[in-house]
Amino acid sequence: MVLFLSFIRILCEVLTIVIIIRAILSWFSPSPTNRLVIILTYITEPILAPLRRIIPRAGMIDFTPLVAIILLQLIIYLLP
């Protein structure tokens, strides 16, 4: 059980870092065919896509990465 909880904690930390990297990269508008962008999208889209259906965009600002990071950090905090 401890191993499973440690795995979940590490997974949430890694996903948080990957979402932050993707959000920062989006400021520079890299090519969608860039290999790094494809990998980051592949990893983060299963988390961000459901949140985008719930949270509307505020103009050109997408708050879903922020909400995803808050939810991941909440999961880490609530783990024993």
N, C-alpha and C. Protein backbone atom coordinates (compact mmCIF):
# COMPACT_ATOMS: atom_id res chain seq x y z
N MET A 1 0.82 -1.20 0.00
CA MET A 1 0.00 0.00 0.00
C MET A 1 0.86 1.26 0.00
N VAL A 2 1.95 1.23 0.75
CA VAL A 2 2.84 2.38 0.81
C VAL A 2 3.49 2.62 -0.55
N LEU A 3 3.83 1.55 -1.24
CA LEU A 3 4.43 1.66 -2.55
C LEU A 3 3.45 2.29 -3.54
N PHE A 4 2.20 1.89 -3.47
CA PHE A 4 1.18 2.45 -4.35
C PHE A 4 0.97 3.94 -4.09
N LEU A 5 0.91 4.33 -2.83
CA LEU A 5 0.73 5.74 -2.49
C LEU A 5 1.94 6.56 -2.91
N SER A 6 3.12 6.00 -2.78
CA SER A 6 4.33 6.69 -3.24
C SER A 6 4.30 6.87 -4.75
N PHE A 7 3.86 5.85 -5.46
CA PHE A 7 3.74 5.93 -6.91
C PHE A 7 2.77 7.04 -7.31
N ILE A 8 1.62 7.10 -6.65
CA ILE A 8 0.62 8.13 -6.96
C ILE A 8 1.19 9.52 -6.68
N ARG A 9 1.90 9.67 -5.58
CA ARG A 9 2.49 10.95 -5.22
C ARG A 9 3.52 11.38 -6.28
N ILE A 10 4.39 10.47 -6.68
CA ILE A 10 5.41 10.79 -7.69
C ILE A 10 4.75 11.09 -9.04
N LEU A 11 3.73 10.33 -9.40
CA LEU A 11 3.02 10.55 -10.65
C LEU A 11 2.38 11.94 -10.67
N CYS A 12 1.76 12.34 -9.57
CA CYS A 12 1.15 13.67 -9.49
C CYS A 12 2.20 14.77 -9.58
N GLU A 13 3.35 14.57 -8.96
CA GLU A 13 4.43 15.56 -9.03
C GLU A 13 4.95 15.69 -10.46
N VAL A 14 5.16 14.57 -11.12
CA VAL A 14 5.66 14.60 -12.50
C VAL A 14 4.64 15.25 -13.42
N LEU A 15 3.37 14.91 -13.26
CA LEU A 15 2.33 15.52 -14.09
C LEU A 15 2.24 17.02 -13.86
N THR A 16 2.42 17.45 -12.62
CA THR A 16 2.43 18.88 -12.32
C THR A 16 3.55 19.58 -13.07
N ILE A 17 4.74 19.01 -13.04
CA ILE A 17 5.89 19.60 -13.72
C ILE A 17 5.66 19.64 -15.24
N VAL A 18 5.12 18.55 -15.78
CA VAL A 18 4.88 18.49 -17.22
C VAL A 18 3.83 19.52 -17.64
N ILE A 19 2.79 19.70 -16.84
CA ILE A 19 1.77 20.70 -17.16
C ILE A 19 2.36 22.11 -17.11
N ILE A 20 3.21 22.37 -16.14
CA ILE A 20 3.87 23.68 -16.05
C ILE A 20 4.74 23.92 -17.28
N ILE A 21 5.50 22.91 -17.68
CA ILE A 21 6.36 23.05 -18.87
C ILE A 21 5.51 23.31 -20.11
N ARG A 22 4.40 22.59 -20.23
CA ARG A 22 3.53 22.80 -21.40
C ARG A 22 2.92 24.20 -21.39
N ALA A 23 2.53 24.69 -20.22
CA ALA A 23 1.96 26.02 -20.13
C ALA A 23 2.99 27.09 -20.50
N ILE A 24 4.21 26.94 -20.01
CA ILE A 24 5.26 27.91 -20.34
C ILE A 24 5.59 27.84 -21.82
N LEU A 25 5.64 26.65 -22.37
CA LEU A 25 5.94 26.49 -23.80
C LEU A 25 4.87 27.12 -24.66
N SER A 26 3.63 27.12 -24.20
CA SER A 26 2.54 27.70 -24.99
C SER A 26 2.69 29.20 -25.16
N TRP A 27 3.45 29.86 -24.31
CA TRP A 27 3.68 31.31 -24.45
C TRP A 27 4.52 31.62 -25.68
N PHE A 28 5.33 30.65 -26.14
CA PHE A 28 6.25 30.87 -27.24
C PHE A 28 5.72 30.35 -28.57
N SER A 29 4.55 29.77 -28.59
CA SER A 29 3.91 29.22 -29.80
C SER A 29 4.85 28.36 -30.63
N PRO A 30 5.31 27.25 -30.06
CA PRO A 30 6.18 26.36 -30.84
C PRO A 30 5.38 25.63 -31.92
N SER A 31 6.07 25.09 -32.86
CA SER A 31 5.44 24.35 -33.95
C SER A 31 4.72 23.12 -33.39
N PRO A 32 3.48 22.88 -33.82
CA PRO A 32 2.76 21.69 -33.32
C PRO A 32 3.40 20.38 -33.77
N THR A 33 4.30 20.43 -34.73
CA THR A 33 4.99 19.21 -35.17
C THR A 33 6.29 18.97 -34.42
N ASN A 34 6.62 19.88 -33.51
CA ASN A 34 7.81 19.71 -32.68
C ASN A 34 7.64 18.47 -31.81
N ARG A 35 8.67 17.65 -31.73
CA ARG A 35 8.60 16.38 -31.01
C ARG A 35 8.28 16.58 -29.52
N LEU A 36 8.87 17.61 -28.89
CA LEU A 36 8.62 17.89 -27.47
C LEU A 36 7.17 18.28 -27.25
N VAL A 37 6.64 19.11 -28.14
CA VAL A 37 5.24 19.54 -28.03
C VAL A 37 4.31 18.34 -28.17
N ILE A 38 4.60 17.46 -29.08
CA ILE A 38 3.77 16.26 -29.28
C ILE A 38 3.77 15.39 -28.03
N ILE A 39 4.95 15.19 -27.44
CA ILE A 39 5.06 14.35 -26.24
C ILE A 39 4.32 14.99 -25.07
N LEU A 40 4.50 16.31 -24.87
CA LEU A 40 3.83 17.00 -23.77
C LEU A 40 2.31 16.97 -23.95
N THR A 41 1.85 17.13 -25.18
CA THR A 41 0.42 17.07 -25.45
C THR A 41 -0.12 15.68 -25.18
N TYR A 42 0.62 14.67 -25.61
CA TYR A 42 0.21 13.28 -25.40
C TYR A 42 0.08 12.96 -23.91
N ILE A 43 0.97 13.50 -23.10
CA ILE A 43 0.96 13.22 -21.66
C ILE A 43 -0.13 14.01 -20.94
N THR A 44 -0.29 15.28 -21.28
CA THR A 44 -1.16 16.15 -20.49
C THR A 44 -2.61 16.22 -20.99
N GLU A 45 -2.83 15.92 -22.24
CA GLU A 45 -4.19 16.09 -22.77
C GLU A 45 -5.25 15.22 -22.08
N PRO A 46 -4.95 13.98 -21.65
CA PRO A 46 -5.98 13.22 -20.91
C PRO A 46 -6.40 13.89 -19.60
N ILE A 47 -5.57 14.75 -19.06
CA ILE A 47 -5.93 15.45 -17.83
C ILE A 47 -6.63 16.77 -18.15
N LEU A 48 -6.12 17.49 -19.14
CA LEU A 48 -6.64 18.82 -19.44
C LEU A 48 -7.93 18.80 -20.25
N ALA A 49 -8.11 17.84 -21.13
CA ALA A 49 -9.30 17.81 -22.00
C ALA A 49 -10.61 17.75 -21.21
N PRO A 50 -10.75 16.88 -20.21
CA PRO A 50 -12.01 16.87 -19.46
C PRO A 50 -12.25 18.18 -18.70
N LEU A 51 -11.17 18.81 -18.24
CA LEU A 51 -11.33 20.08 -17.54
C LEU A 51 -11.74 21.20 -18.48
N ARG A 52 -11.30 21.13 -19.73
CA ARG A 52 -11.69 22.16 -20.72
C ARG A 52 -13.18 22.11 -21.03
N ARG A 53 -13.78 20.93 -20.90
CA ARG A 53 -15.22 20.83 -21.13
C ARG A 53 -16.00 21.49 -20.00
N ILE A 54 -15.40 21.57 -18.81
CA ILE A 54 -16.08 22.13 -17.64
C ILE A 54 -15.78 23.61 -17.48
N ILE A 55 -14.52 23.99 -17.67
CA ILE A 55 -14.07 25.35 -17.41
C ILE A 55 -13.99 26.11 -18.73
N PRO A 56 -14.76 27.18 -18.87
CA PRO A 56 -14.69 27.95 -20.11
C PRO A 56 -13.42 28.81 -20.16
N ARG A 57 -13.00 29.14 -21.37
CA ARG A 57 -11.85 30.03 -21.53
C ARG A 57 -12.27 31.45 -21.18
N ALA A 58 -11.35 32.20 -20.61
CA ALA A 58 -11.58 33.61 -20.32
C ALA A 58 -10.84 34.43 -21.36
N GLY A 59 -11.49 34.65 -22.49
CA GLY A 59 -10.82 35.34 -23.60
C GLY A 59 -9.78 34.42 -24.20
N MET A 60 -8.52 34.86 -24.16
CA MET A 60 -7.43 34.05 -24.69
C MET A 60 -6.71 33.27 -23.60
N ILE A 61 -7.19 33.38 -22.37
CA ILE A 61 -6.52 32.73 -21.24
C ILE A 61 -7.21 31.40 -20.94
N ASP A 62 -6.41 30.36 -20.86
CA ASP A 62 -6.91 29.03 -20.54
C ASP A 62 -6.50 28.70 -19.11
N PHE A 63 -7.48 28.58 -18.23
CA PHE A 63 -7.20 28.32 -16.82
C PHE A 63 -7.12 26.84 -16.47
N THR A 64 -7.33 25.96 -17.45
CA THR A 64 -7.33 24.54 -17.14
C THR A 64 -5.99 24.02 -16.62
N PRO A 65 -4.83 24.50 -17.08
CA PRO A 65 -3.59 24.02 -16.48
C PRO A 65 -3.50 24.38 -14.99
N LEU A 66 -3.95 25.59 -14.66
CA LEU A 66 -3.92 26.00 -13.25
C LEU A 66 -4.83 25.12 -12.40
N VAL A 67 -6.02 24.84 -12.89
CA VAL A 67 -6.96 23.99 -12.15
C VAL A 67 -6.40 22.57 -12.04
N ALA A 68 -5.80 22.07 -13.10
CA ALA A 68 -5.22 20.72 -13.06
C ALA A 68 -4.10 20.65 -12.03
N ILE A 69 -3.25 21.67 -11.98
CA ILE A 69 -2.16 21.69 -11.00
C ILE A 69 -2.71 21.74 -9.59
N ILE A 70 -3.72 22.55 -9.37
CA ILE A 70 -4.33 22.63 -8.03
C ILE A 70 -4.92 21.28 -7.63
N LEU A 71 -5.61 20.61 -8.56
CA LEU A 71 -6.19 19.30 -8.26
C LEU A 71 -5.11 18.25 -7.97
N LEU A 72 -4.03 18.26 -8.74
CA LEU A 72 -2.94 17.31 -8.51
C LEU A 72 -2.28 17.56 -7.15
N GLN A 73 -2.08 18.82 -6.81
CA GLN A 73 -1.48 19.14 -5.52
C GLN A 73 -2.43 18.79 -4.37
N LEU A 74 -3.72 18.92 -4.60
CA LEU A 74 -4.70 18.53 -3.59
C LEU A 74 -4.66 17.01 -3.37
N ILE A 75 -4.51 16.25 -4.42
CA ILE A 75 -4.39 14.79 -4.30
C ILE A 75 -3.15 14.44 -3.48
N ILE A 76 -2.03 15.11 -3.77
CA ILE A 76 -0.81 14.86 -3.02
C ILE A 76 -1.01 15.19 -1.55
N TYR A 77 -1.66 16.30 -1.29
CA TYR A 77 -1.88 16.73 0.10
C TYR A 77 -2.78 15.76 0.86
N LEU A 78 -3.77 15.21 0.18
CA LEU A 78 -4.73 14.34 0.86
C LEU A 78 -4.24 12.91 1.03
N LEU A 79 -3.16 12.54 0.34
CA LEU A 79 -2.62 11.20 0.53
C LEU A 79 -2.00 11.08 1.93
N PRO A 80 -2.21 9.94 2.57
CA PRO A 80 -1.64 9.80 3.91
C PRO A 80 -0.12 9.69 3.90
